[in-house]
C-alpha atoms as a PDB file:
ATOM      1  CA  MET A   1     158.179 152.334 153.968  1.00  0.00           C
ATOM      2  CA  GLN A   2     160.967 150.941 156.147  1.00  0.00           C
ATOM      3  CA  ARG A   3     163.284 153.621 154.762  1.00  0.00           C
ATOM      4  CA  GLY A   4     160.714 156.325 155.502  1.00  0.00           C
ATOM      5  CA  GLU A   5     160.075 157.156 151.854  1.00  0.00           C
ATOM      6  CA  VAL A   6     156.452 156.017 151.732  1.00  0.00           C
ATOM      7  CA  SER A   7     153.537 155.928 154.165  1.00  0.00           C
ATOM      8  CA  LEU A   8     150.804 153.337 153.750  1.00  0.00           C
ATOM      9  CA  SER A   9     148.205 156.015 154.456  1.00  0.00           C
ATOM     10  CA  ASP A  10     149.457 158.276 151.650  1.00  0.00           C
ATOM     11  CA  PRO A  11     146.981 158.905 148.819  1.00  0.00           C
ATOM     12  CA  VAL A  12     148.318 157.645 145.500  1.00  0.00           C
ATOM     13  CA  GLY A  13     148.204 161.187 144.138  1.00  0.00           C
ATOM     14  CA  THR A  14     151.179 161.924 146.402  1.00  0.00           C
ATOM     15  CA  TYR A  15     153.316 159.991 143.927  1.00  0.00           C
ATOM     16  CA  LEU A  16     151.416 159.643 140.638  1.00  0.00           C
ATOM     17  CA  THR A  17     150.022 162.243 138.259  1.00  0.00           C
ATOM     18  CA  GLY A  18     147.292 162.041 135.653  1.00  0.00           C
ATOM     19  CA  LEU A  19     144.805 160.125 137.809  1.00  0.00           C
ATOM     20  CA  ALA A  20     141.203 161.181 138.317  1.00  0.00           C
ATOM     21  CA  SER A  21     141.105 163.532 141.302  1.00  0.00           C
ATOM     22  CA  GLU A  22     138.823 161.309 143.384  1.00  0.00           C
ATOM     23  CA  ILE A  23     141.333 158.462 142.958  1.00  0.00           C
ATOM     24  CA  ALA A  24     144.400 160.613 143.565  1.00  0.00           C
ATOM     25  CA  GLU A  25     142.940 162.047 146.764  1.00  0.00           C
ATOM     26  CA  ARG A  26     140.974 159.142 148.283  1.00  0.00           C
ATOM     27  CA  VAL A  27     142.766 155.907 147.365  1.00  0.00           C
ATOM     28  CA  THR A  28     145.755 155.097 149.576  1.00  0.00           C
ATOM     29  CA  ILE A  29     148.634 152.661 149.205  1.00  0.00           C
ATOM     30  CA  HIS A  30     147.021 150.551 151.938  1.00  0.00           C
ATOM     31  CA  HIS A  31     143.878 150.292 149.800  1.00  0.00           C
ATOM     32  CA  LEU A  32     145.917 149.154 146.787  1.00  0.00           C
ATOM     33  CA  LEU A  33     147.710 146.420 148.712  1.00  0.00           C
ATOM     34  CA  THR A  34     144.524 145.048 150.298  1.00  0.00           C
ATOM     35  CA  SER A  35     142.437 145.177 147.079  1.00  0.00           C
ATOM     36  CA  THR A  36     139.995 147.555 148.764  1.00  0.00           C
ATOM     37  CA  SER A  37     140.635 150.571 146.551  1.00  0.00           C
ATOM     38  CA  GLY A  38     137.226 150.478 144.893  1.00  0.00           C
ATOM     39  CA  LEU A  39     138.985 150.736 141.534  1.00  0.00           C
ATOM     40  CA  ASP A  40     138.002 149.182 138.257  1.00  0.00           C
ATOM     41  CA  ALA A  41     139.527 149.590 134.812  1.00  0.00           C
ATOM     42  CA  PRO A  42     138.911 148.319 131.280  1.00  0.00           C
ATOM     43  CA  MET A  43     139.457 144.590 130.937  1.00  0.00           C
ATOM     44  CA  PRO A  44     142.948 143.890 129.586  1.00  0.00           C
ATOM     45  CA  ASP A  45     143.120 142.883 125.928  1.00  0.00           C
ATOM     46  CA  TRP A  46     144.310 139.309 126.350  1.00  0.00           C
ATOM     47  CA  GLN A  47     144.766 138.904 122.594  1.00  0.00           C
ATOM     48  CA  ARG A  48     147.278 141.731 122.238  1.00  0.00           C
ATOM     49  CA  VAL A  49     150.851 140.669 121.474  1.00  0.00           C
ATOM     50  CA  PHE A  50     153.420 143.012 123.024  1.00  0.00           C
ATOM     51  CA  ARG A  51     156.823 143.462 121.383  1.00  0.00           C
ATOM     52  CA  SER A  52     159.049 145.248 123.922  1.00  0.00           C
ATOM     53  CA  ARG A  53     159.521 146.217 127.560  1.00  0.00           C
ATOM     54  CA  GLN A  54     158.793 149.813 126.646  1.00  0.00           C
ATOM     55  CA  GLU A  55     155.486 148.885 125.050  1.00  0.00           C
ATOM     56  CA  VAL A  56     154.457 146.960 128.166  1.00  0.00           C
ATOM     57  CA  HIS A  57     155.535 149.807 130.430  1.00  0.00           C
ATOM     58  CA  ASP A  58     153.693 152.427 128.391  1.00  0.00           C
ATOM     59  CA  HIS A  59     150.578 150.258 128.413  1.00  0.00           C
ATOM     60  CA  GLN A  60     150.667 149.891 132.203  1.00  0.00           C
ATOM     61  CA  LYS A  61     151.072 153.646 132.671  1.00  0.00           C
ATOM     62  CA  GLN A  62     148.116 154.275 130.385  1.00  0.00           C
ATOM     63  CA  TRP A  63     145.979 151.536 131.969  1.00  0.00           C
ATOM     64  CA  ILE A  64     146.089 152.904 135.522  1.00  0.00           C
ATOM     65  CA  ARG A  65     144.986 156.305 134.200  1.00  0.00           C
ATOM     66  CA  GLN A  66     141.876 154.680 132.760  1.00  0.00           C
ATOM     67  CA  ALA A  67     140.853 153.488 136.219  1.00  0.00           C
ATOM     68  CA  THR A  68     137.557 154.629 137.684  1.00  0.00           C
ATOM     69  CA  LEU A  69     136.306 154.651 141.258  1.00  0.00           C
ATOM     70  CA  VAL A  70     133.299 152.333 141.420  1.00  0.00           C
ATOM     71  CA  GLY A  71     133.285 151.685 145.176  1.00  0.00           C
ATOM     72  CA  VAL A  72     134.171 153.340 148.450  1.00  0.00           C
ATOM     73  CA  PRO A  73     137.913 153.023 149.178  1.00  0.00           C
ATOM     74  CA  GLY A  74     138.408 150.724 152.149  1.00  0.00           C
ATOM     75  CA  ALA A  75     134.844 149.411 152.140  1.00  0.00           C
ATOM     76  CA  GLY A  76     135.401 145.990 150.569  1.00  0.00           C
ATOM     77  CA  SER A  77     137.372 143.877 148.129  1.00  0.00           C
ATOM     78  CA  ASN A  78     137.380 144.837 144.475  1.00  0.00           C
ATOM     79  CA  GLY A  79     139.520 141.891 143.378  1.00  0.00           C
ATOM     80  CA  HIS A  80     136.501 140.315 141.649  1.00  0.00           C
ATOM     81  CA  LEU A  81     136.077 143.215 139.234  1.00  0.00           C
ATOM     82  CA  PRO A  82     137.302 142.690 135.633  1.00  0.00           C
ATOM     83  CA  GLY A  83     139.964 145.371 136.028  1.00  0.00           C
ATOM     84  CA  GLY A  84     140.402 145.065 139.790  1.00  0.00           C
ATOM     85  CA  GLY A  85     144.061 144.128 139.295  1.00  0.00           C
ATOM     86  CA  VAL A  86     144.775 147.705 138.249  1.00  0.00           C
ATOM     87  CA  GLY A  87     145.569 148.428 141.895  1.00  0.00           C
ATOM     88  CA  LEU A  88     148.700 146.263 141.804  1.00  0.00           C
ATOM     89  CA  SER A  89     149.877 148.044 138.674  1.00  0.00           C
ATOM     90  CA  MET A  90     149.287 151.370 140.403  1.00  0.00           C
ATOM     91  CA  ALA A  91     151.270 150.198 143.439  1.00  0.00           C
ATOM     92  CA  ALA A  92     154.153 149.121 141.183  1.00  0.00           C
ATOM     93  CA  GLN A  93     154.211 152.568 139.627  1.00  0.00           C
ATOM     94  CA  VAL A  94     154.409 154.147 143.074  1.00  0.00           C
ATOM     95  CA  VAL A  95     157.544 152.018 143.567  1.00  0.00           C
ATOM     96  CA  GLU A  96     158.896 153.390 140.289  1.00  0.00           C
ATOM     97  CA  ALA A  97     158.090 157.003 141.177  1.00  0.00           C
ATOM     98  CA  VAL A  98     159.783 156.759 144.586  1.00  0.00           C
ATOM     99  CA  SER A  99     162.817 154.689 143.560  1.00  0.00           C
ATOM    100  CA  GLY A 100     163.490 156.148 140.116  1.00  0.00           C
ATOM    101  CA  MET A 101     163.814 152.586 138.782  1.00  0.00           C
ATOM    102  CA  THR A 102     161.513 150.417 136.721  1.00  0.00           C
ATOM    103  CA  PHE A 103     159.503 147.909 138.724  1.00  0.00           C
ATOM    104  CA  TRP A 104     161.485 145.119 137.064  1.00  0.00           C
ATOM    105  CA  ASP A 105     164.882 146.565 137.960  1.00  0.00           C
ATOM    106  CA  TYR A 106     163.790 147.373 141.492  1.00  0.00           C
ATOM    107  CA  LEU A 107     162.685 143.792 142.146  1.00  0.00           C
ATOM    108  CA  HIS A 108     165.792 142.303 140.545  1.00  0.00           C
ATOM    109  CA  GLU A 109     168.072 144.444 142.723  1.00  0.00           C
ATOM    110  CA  HIS A 110     166.182 144.659 146.016  1.00  0.00           C
ATOM    111  CA  VAL A 111     164.378 141.315 146.155  1.00  0.00           C
ATOM    112  CA  PHE A 112     165.753 138.630 143.843  1.00  0.00           C
ATOM    113  CA  ARG A 113     169.431 139.500 144.206  1.00  0.00           C
ATOM    114  CA  ARG A 114     169.308 140.194 147.950  1.00  0.00           C
ATOM    115  CA  ALA A 115     167.424 136.975 148.629  1.00  0.00           C
ATOM    116  CA  GLY A 116     169.846 134.913 146.518  1.00  0.00           C
ATOM    117  CA  MET A 117     167.134 134.046 144.003  1.00  0.00           C
ATOM    118  CA  THR A 118     169.555 133.489 141.138  1.00  0.00           C
ATOM    119  CA  GLY A 119     167.074 131.595 138.945  1.00  0.00           C
ATOM    120  CA  SER A 120     164.229 134.074 139.276  1.00  0.00           C
ATOM    121  CA  GLY A 121     163.248 137.257 137.497  1.00  0.00           C
ATOM    122  CA  TYR A 122     161.042 139.023 135.019  1.00  0.00           C
ATOM    123  CA  PHE A 123     162.232 137.630 131.710  1.00  0.00           C
ATOM    124  CA  THR A 124     161.294 138.772 128.222  1.00  0.00           C
ATOM    125  CA  ARG A 125     159.781 136.598 125.534  1.00  0.00           C
ATOM    126  CA  ASP A 126     163.122 136.713 123.692  1.00  0.00           C
ATOM    127  CA  GLN A 127     164.840 135.234 126.762  1.00  0.00           C
ATOM    128  CA  TRP A 128     162.052 132.702 127.087  1.00  0.00           C
ATOM    129  CA  LEU A 129     162.629 131.493 123.545  1.00  0.00           C
ATOM    130  CA  THR A 130     166.421 131.253 123.755  1.00  0.00           C
ATOM    131  CA  ASP A 131     167.268 130.230 127.336  1.00  0.00           C
ATOM    132  CA  PRO A 132     166.805 126.467 127.842  1.00  0.00           C
ATOM    133  CA  HIS A 133     166.646 126.957 131.617  1.00  0.00           C
ATOM    134  CA  ILE A 134     163.277 128.745 131.376  1.00  0.00           C
ATOM    135  CA  ALA A 135     160.394 126.264 131.265  1.00  0.00           C
ATOM    136  CA  HIS A 136     157.745 126.698 128.599  1.00  0.00           C
ATOM    137  CA  PRO A 137     154.020 126.522 129.367  1.00  0.00           C
ATOM    138  CA  TYR A 138     151.972 123.882 127.569  1.00  0.00           C
ATOM    139  CA  MET A 139     148.318 124.763 127.028  1.00  0.00           C
ATOM    140  CA  LEU A 140     145.634 122.117 126.679  1.00  0.00           C
ATOM    141  CA  GLN A 141     143.643 122.373 123.426  1.00  0.00           C
ATOM    142  CA  GLU A 142     140.122 121.275 122.500  1.00  0.00           C
ATOM    143  CA  ASP A 143     141.394 118.154 120.709  1.00  0.00           C
ATOM    144  CA  GLY A 144     143.329 117.012 123.801  1.00  0.00           C
ATOM    145  CA  SER A 145     146.739 118.056 122.499  1.00  0.00           C
ATOM    146  CA  ARG A 146     149.069 120.543 124.158  1.00  0.00           C
ATOM    147  CA  VAL A 147     150.877 123.432 122.504  1.00  0.00           C
ATOM    148  CA  ASP A 148     153.875 125.450 123.607  1.00  0.00           C
ATOM    149  CA  ALA A 149     152.373 128.842 124.490  1.00  0.00           C
ATOM    150  CA  VAL A 150     155.505 130.875 123.744  1.00  0.00           C
ATOM    151  CA  ARG A 151     155.881 129.386 120.253  1.00  0.00           C
ATOM    152  CA  ASN A 152     152.151 129.582 119.434  1.00  0.00           C
ATOM    153  CA  LEU A 153     150.985 133.086 120.238  1.00  0.00           C
ATOM    154  CA  ASP A 154     147.859 132.552 118.138  1.00  0.00           C
ATOM    155  CA  LYS A 155     146.690 129.796 120.509  1.00  0.00           C
ATOM    156  CA  GLY A 156     145.052 130.187 123.903  1.00  0.00           C
ATOM    157  CA  SER A 157     144.212 128.094 126.934  1.00  0.00           C
ATOM    158  CA  ILE A 158     140.872 126.273 127.130  1.00  0.00           C
ATOM    159  CA  SER A 159     140.909 126.243 130.953  1.00  0.00           C
ATOM    160  CA  PRO A 160     137.794 128.155 132.123  1.00  0.00           C
ATOM    161  CA  PRO A 161     139.437 130.607 134.563  1.00  0.00           C
ATOM    162  CA  ILE A 162     142.033 131.621 131.974  1.00  0.00           C
ATOM    163  CA  LYS A 163     140.193 130.747 128.761  1.00  0.00           C
ATOM    164  CA  GLY A 164     141.776 132.218 125.654  1.00  0.00           C
ATOM    165  CA  ARG A 165     144.831 133.597 127.417  1.00  0.00           C
ATOM    166  CA  ASN A 166     148.428 133.007 126.465  1.00  0.00           C
ATOM    167  CA  PRO A 167     151.171 134.369 128.769  1.00  0.00           C
ATOM    168  CA  GLY A 168     153.661 134.525 125.901  1.00  0.00           C
ATOM    169  CA  ARG A 169     151.773 137.459 124.400  1.00  0.00           C
ATOM    170  CA  ALA A 170     152.752 139.709 127.299  1.00  0.00           C
ATOM    171  CA  TYR A 171     156.447 139.877 126.283  1.00  0.00           C
ATOM    172  CA  ILE A 172     157.325 140.523 129.951  1.00  0.00           C
ATOM    173  CA  GLY A 173     155.253 140.281 133.119  1.00  0.00           C
ATOM    174  CA  TYR A 174     154.461 143.101 135.507  1.00  0.00           C
ATOM    175  CA  SER A 175     153.234 143.479 139.067  1.00  0.00           C
ATOM    176  CA  SER A 176     150.210 141.186 138.849  1.00  0.00           C
ATOM    177  CA  GLY A 177     151.956 138.138 137.418  1.00  0.00           C
ATOM    178  CA  ASP A 178     154.082 136.383 134.798  1.00  0.00           C
ATOM    179  CA  GLY A 179     157.282 136.512 136.792  1.00  0.00           C
ATOM    180  CA  PHE A 180     159.588 133.479 136.903  1.00  0.00           C
ATOM    181  CA  ALA A 181     160.906 131.603 139.917  1.00  0.00           C
ATOM    182  CA  THR A 182     162.334 128.226 140.805  1.00  0.00           C
ATOM    183  CA  ALA A 183     161.102 126.174 143.741  1.00  0.00           C
ATOM    184  CA  PRO A 184     164.391 126.571 145.682  1.00  0.00           C
ATOM    185  CA  ASP A 185     164.282 130.323 145.054  1.00  0.00           C
ATOM    186  CA  LEU A 186     160.800 130.600 146.528  1.00  0.00           C
ATOM    187  CA  VAL A 187     162.078 128.832 149.631  1.00  0.00           C
ATOM    188  CA  ARG A 188     164.972 131.326 149.702  1.00  0.00           C
ATOM    189  CA  PHE A 189     162.481 134.175 149.441  1.00  0.00           C
ATOM    190  CA  ALA A 190     160.572 132.882 152.468  1.00  0.00           C
ATOM    191  CA  GLN A 191     163.791 132.531 154.463  1.00  0.00           C
ATOM    192  CA  ALA A 192     164.991 136.002 153.435  1.00  0.00           C
ATOM    193  CA  LEU A 193     161.646 137.459 154.436  1.00  0.00           C
ATOM    194  CA  TYR A 194     161.849 136.095 157.972  1.00  0.00           C
ATOM    195  CA  ASP A 195     165.581 136.246 158.714  1.00  0.00           C
ATOM    196  CA  GLY A 196     165.906 139.991 158.190  1.00  0.00           C
ATOM    197  CA  THR A 197     167.528 139.887 154.750  1.00  0.00           C
ATOM    198  CA  LEU A 198     164.664 141.678 153.012  1.00  0.00           C
ATOM    199  CA  LEU A 199     162.925 143.502 155.859  1.00  0.00           C
ATOM    200  CA  ASP A 200     163.446 144.153 159.545  1.00  0.00           C
ATOM    201  CA  ARG A 201     161.219 141.757 161.469  1.00  0.00           C
ATOM    202  CA  PRO A 202     158.543 144.323 162.497  1.00  0.00           C
ATOM    203  CA  TYR A 203     158.070 145.213 158.836  1.00  0.00           C
ATOM    204  CA  THR A 204     157.895 141.547 157.855  1.00  0.00           C
ATOM    205  CA  ASP A 205     155.158 141.091 160.432  1.00  0.00           C
ATOM    206  CA  LEU A 206     153.396 144.156 159.064  1.00  0.00           C
ATOM    207  CA  PHE A 207     153.652 142.857 155.495  1.00  0.00           C
ATOM    208  CA  ALA A 208     152.530 139.320 156.297  1.00  0.00           C
ATOM    209  CA  GLY A 209     149.978 140.045 159.009  1.00  0.00           C
ATOM    210  CA  ALA A 210     146.187 139.936 158.790  1.00  0.00           C
ATOM    211  CA  LYS A 211     144.594 143.248 157.773  1.00  0.00           C
ATOM    212  CA  LEU A 212     140.925 142.525 157.055  1.00  0.00           C
ATOM    213  CA  PRO A 213     138.481 139.696 157.814  1.00  0.00           C
ATOM    214  CA  GLY A 214     138.093 137.127 155.057  1.00  0.00           C
ATOM    215  CA  PRO A 215     135.202 134.892 153.983  1.00  0.00           C
ATOM    216  CA  GLU A 216     135.866 132.297 156.708  1.00  0.00           C
ATOM    217  CA  PRO A 217     136.190 132.822 160.496  1.00  0.00           C
ATOM    218  CA  THR A 218     139.942 132.200 160.483  1.00  0.00           C
ATOM    219  CA  SER A 219     140.761 133.673 157.064  1.00  0.00           C
ATOM    220  CA  PHE A 220     141.953 137.204 156.448  1.00  0.00           C
ATOM    221  CA  GLU A 221     143.262 139.484 153.751  1.00  0.00           C
ATOM    222  CA  GLY A 222     146.886 140.559 154.020  1.00  0.00           C
ATOM    223  CA  TYR A 223     148.966 142.755 151.760  1.00  0.00           C
ATOM    224  CA  THR A 224     148.557 141.245 148.258  1.00  0.00           C
ATOM    225  CA  MET A 225     147.759 137.772 149.618  1.00  0.00           C
ATOM    226  CA  PRO A 226     145.389 135.772 151.815  1.00  0.00           C
ATOM    227  CA  VAL A 227     146.370 134.967 155.402  1.00  0.00           C
ATOM    228  CA  SER A 228     144.774 132.197 157.476  1.00  0.00           C
ATOM    229  CA  ILE A 229     144.968 130.362 160.775  1.00  0.00           C
ATOM    230  CA  VAL A 230     144.907 126.624 160.089  1.00  0.00           C
ATOM    231  CA  GLY A 231     145.526 123.965 162.701  1.00  0.00           C
ATOM    232  CA  GLY A 232     146.593 126.616 165.196  1.00  0.00           C
ATOM    233  CA  GLN A 233     149.269 128.164 162.989  1.00  0.00           C
ATOM    234  CA  TRP A 234     149.543 131.052 160.551  1.00  0.00           C
ATOM    235  CA  VAL A 235     149.504 130.256 156.838  1.00  0.00           C
ATOM    236  CA  ILE A 236     150.380 132.885 154.222  1.00  0.00           C
ATOM    237  CA  GLY A 237     151.003 132.653 150.511  1.00  0.00           C
ATOM    238  CA  ARG A 238     149.938 133.351 146.972  1.00  0.00           C
ATOM    239  CA  GLY A 239     148.846 131.227 144.038  1.00  0.00           C
ATOM    240  CA  GLY A 240     147.355 131.429 140.580  1.00  0.00           C
ATOM    241  CA  GLY A 241     147.494 130.300 137.007  1.00  0.00           C
ATOM    242  CA  ALA A 242     148.032 131.396 133.442  1.00  0.00           C
ATOM    243  CA  GLY A 243     147.689 129.687 130.095  1.00  0.00           C
ATOM    244  CA  GLY A 244     149.884 126.619 130.387  1.00  0.00           C
ATOM    245  CA  GLY A 245     150.970 127.171 133.961  1.00  0.00           C
ATOM    246  CA  GLY A 246     150.012 127.096 137.606  1.00  0.00           C
ATOM    247  CA  ALA A 247     151.825 127.932 140.822  1.00  0.00           C
ATOM    248  CA  ASN A 248     151.320 128.157 144.558  1.00  0.00           C
ATOM    249  CA  TRP A 249     153.679 129.340 147.285  1.00  0.00           C
ATOM    250  CA  THR A 250     152.878 128.979 150.978  1.00  0.00           C
ATOM    251  CA  ILE A 251     154.797 129.900 154.139  1.00  0.00           C
ATOM    252  CA  TYR A 252     154.076 128.312 157.504  1.00  0.00           C
ATOM    253  CA  PRO A 253     156.091 130.728 159.687  1.00  0.00           C
ATOM    254  CA  ASP A 254     155.270 129.063 163.019  1.00  0.00           C
ATOM    255  CA  THR A 255     156.814 125.743 161.984  1.00  0.00           C
ATOM    256  CA  GLY A 256     159.263 126.860 159.286  1.00  0.00           C
ATOM    257  CA  TRP A 257     157.737 124.888 156.417  1.00  0.00           C
ATOM    258  CA  VAL A 258     157.537 126.355 152.926  1.00  0.00           C
ATOM    259  CA  GLY A 259     155.326 124.775 150.279  1.00  0.00           C
ATOM    260  CA  VAL A 260     155.884 125.305 146.554  1.00  0.00           C
ATOM    261  CA  VAL A 261     153.850 123.857 143.681  1.00  0.00           C
ATOM    262  CA  LEU A 262     154.907 124.695 140.119  1.00  0.00           C
ATOM    263  CA  SER A 263     153.447 123.354 136.881  1.00  0.00           C
ATOM    264  CA  ASN A 264     153.844 124.103 133.187  1.00  0.00           C
ATOM    265  CA  TYR A 265     150.442 122.551 132.428  1.00  0.00           C
ATOM    266  CA  ASP A 266     147.283 124.594 132.906  1.00  0.00           C
ATOM    267  CA  ASP A 267     144.884 121.856 134.011  1.00  0.00           C
ATOM    268  CA  ILE A 268     146.520 120.275 137.054  1.00  0.00           C
ATOM    269  CA  PRO A 269     144.371 119.923 140.218  1.00  0.00           C
ATOM    270  CA  LEU A 270     146.242 122.780 141.908  1.00  0.00           C
ATOM    271  CA  LEU A 271     143.674 123.364 144.653  1.00  0.00           C
ATOM    272  CA  GLU A 272     143.550 119.703 145.662  1.00  0.00           C
ATOM    273  CA  ILE A 273     147.354 119.493 145.753  1.00  0.00           C
ATOM    274  CA  CYS A 274     147.551 122.579 147.950  1.00  0.00           C
ATOM    275  CA  LEU A 275     144.887 121.280 150.338  1.00  0.00           C
ATOM    276  CA  ARG A 276     146.797 118.013 150.767  1.00  0.00           C
ATOM    277  CA  GLU A 277     149.954 120.015 151.462  1.00  0.00           C
ATOM    278  CA  LEU A 278     148.053 122.065 154.017  1.00  0.00           C
ATOM    279  CA  GLU A 279     146.850 118.908 155.737  1.00  0.00           C
ATOM    280  CA  ALA A 280     150.353 117.412 155.796  1.00  0.00           C
ATOM    281  CA  VAL A 281     151.831 120.495 157.470  1.00  0.00           C
ATOM    282  CA  THR A 282     149.022 121.567 159.806  1.00  0.00           C
ATOM    283  CA  GLY A 283     147.218 118.281 160.457  1.00  0.00           C
ATOM    284  CA  GLN A 284     143.898 119.862 159.499  1.00  0.00           C
ATOM    285  CA  ARG A 285     141.943 118.486 156.572  1.00  0.00           C
ATOM    286  CA  ILE A 286     140.019 120.949 154.412  1.00  0.00           C
ATOM    287  CA  ASP A 287     137.926 119.563 151.584  1.00  0.00           C
ATOM    288  CA  PRO A 288     137.753 121.491 148.301  1.00  0.00           C
ATOM    289  CA  PRO A 289     134.507 123.211 147.344  1.00  0.00           C
ATOM    290  CA  GLY A 290     131.941 120.577 146.442  1.00  0.00           C
ATOM    291  CA  GLY A 291     133.382 118.102 148.955  1.00  0.00           C
ATOM    292  CA  GLY A 292     135.855 116.421 146.566  1.00  0.00           C
END
């Protein structure tokens, strides 16, 4: 967008073919980035084992063309739907259509390399198995043991939010997850975002700013991530988990703090850790759901 090649109000059909006409004409890039596209798609097959980048790429191209419009674009969040993440895949393929590069290559060149994130990237399962610098995820099993996810593709996590999943099956991640980063690199990303390395400051503010009201009075939805006001300061970031792993990345732009939590276990108390971090930086205590 900063280069004038994309407008956030453009319908996705401006860039992508083969979509249902009501999606191509009514869903915009803004809708994709705020999870308000109204899109759903078949639930991903978490048991499928992919064997190559090309297979993953072909699957993603096919998946977005199975999307259906089940809500009114712009009317509300569809992130809770089983296939609601299809919007991020669609956005990644807009990047590919405009740039002429794969999503992976575009991020490696225009984000990771420019930000000095030398330990980060989208790595393949082959790299995962042979490079000792890439941590392996260890999934908790019913008997209390842990197994290396990448070396046990027949096993899955028992954690409820990600039950049965194994990130090693994906071969390589895509726009909605399974990328790799180090803690120092995520700090570098935050610095590069705000010092003009990645975007001119007005576009950083546009990217990181509040777009829609959230579930709480001072919480909002931004582009691909929640945005909040806590203790009188802005808090932005993204977190999540996969079989054998959990991560959270938070920027406090008003005070310059960056919080990173990385784990290669899938059952750590990630929410509680993040809330304690939030309290340490902002001075405001927020108890987890249930009052723990």
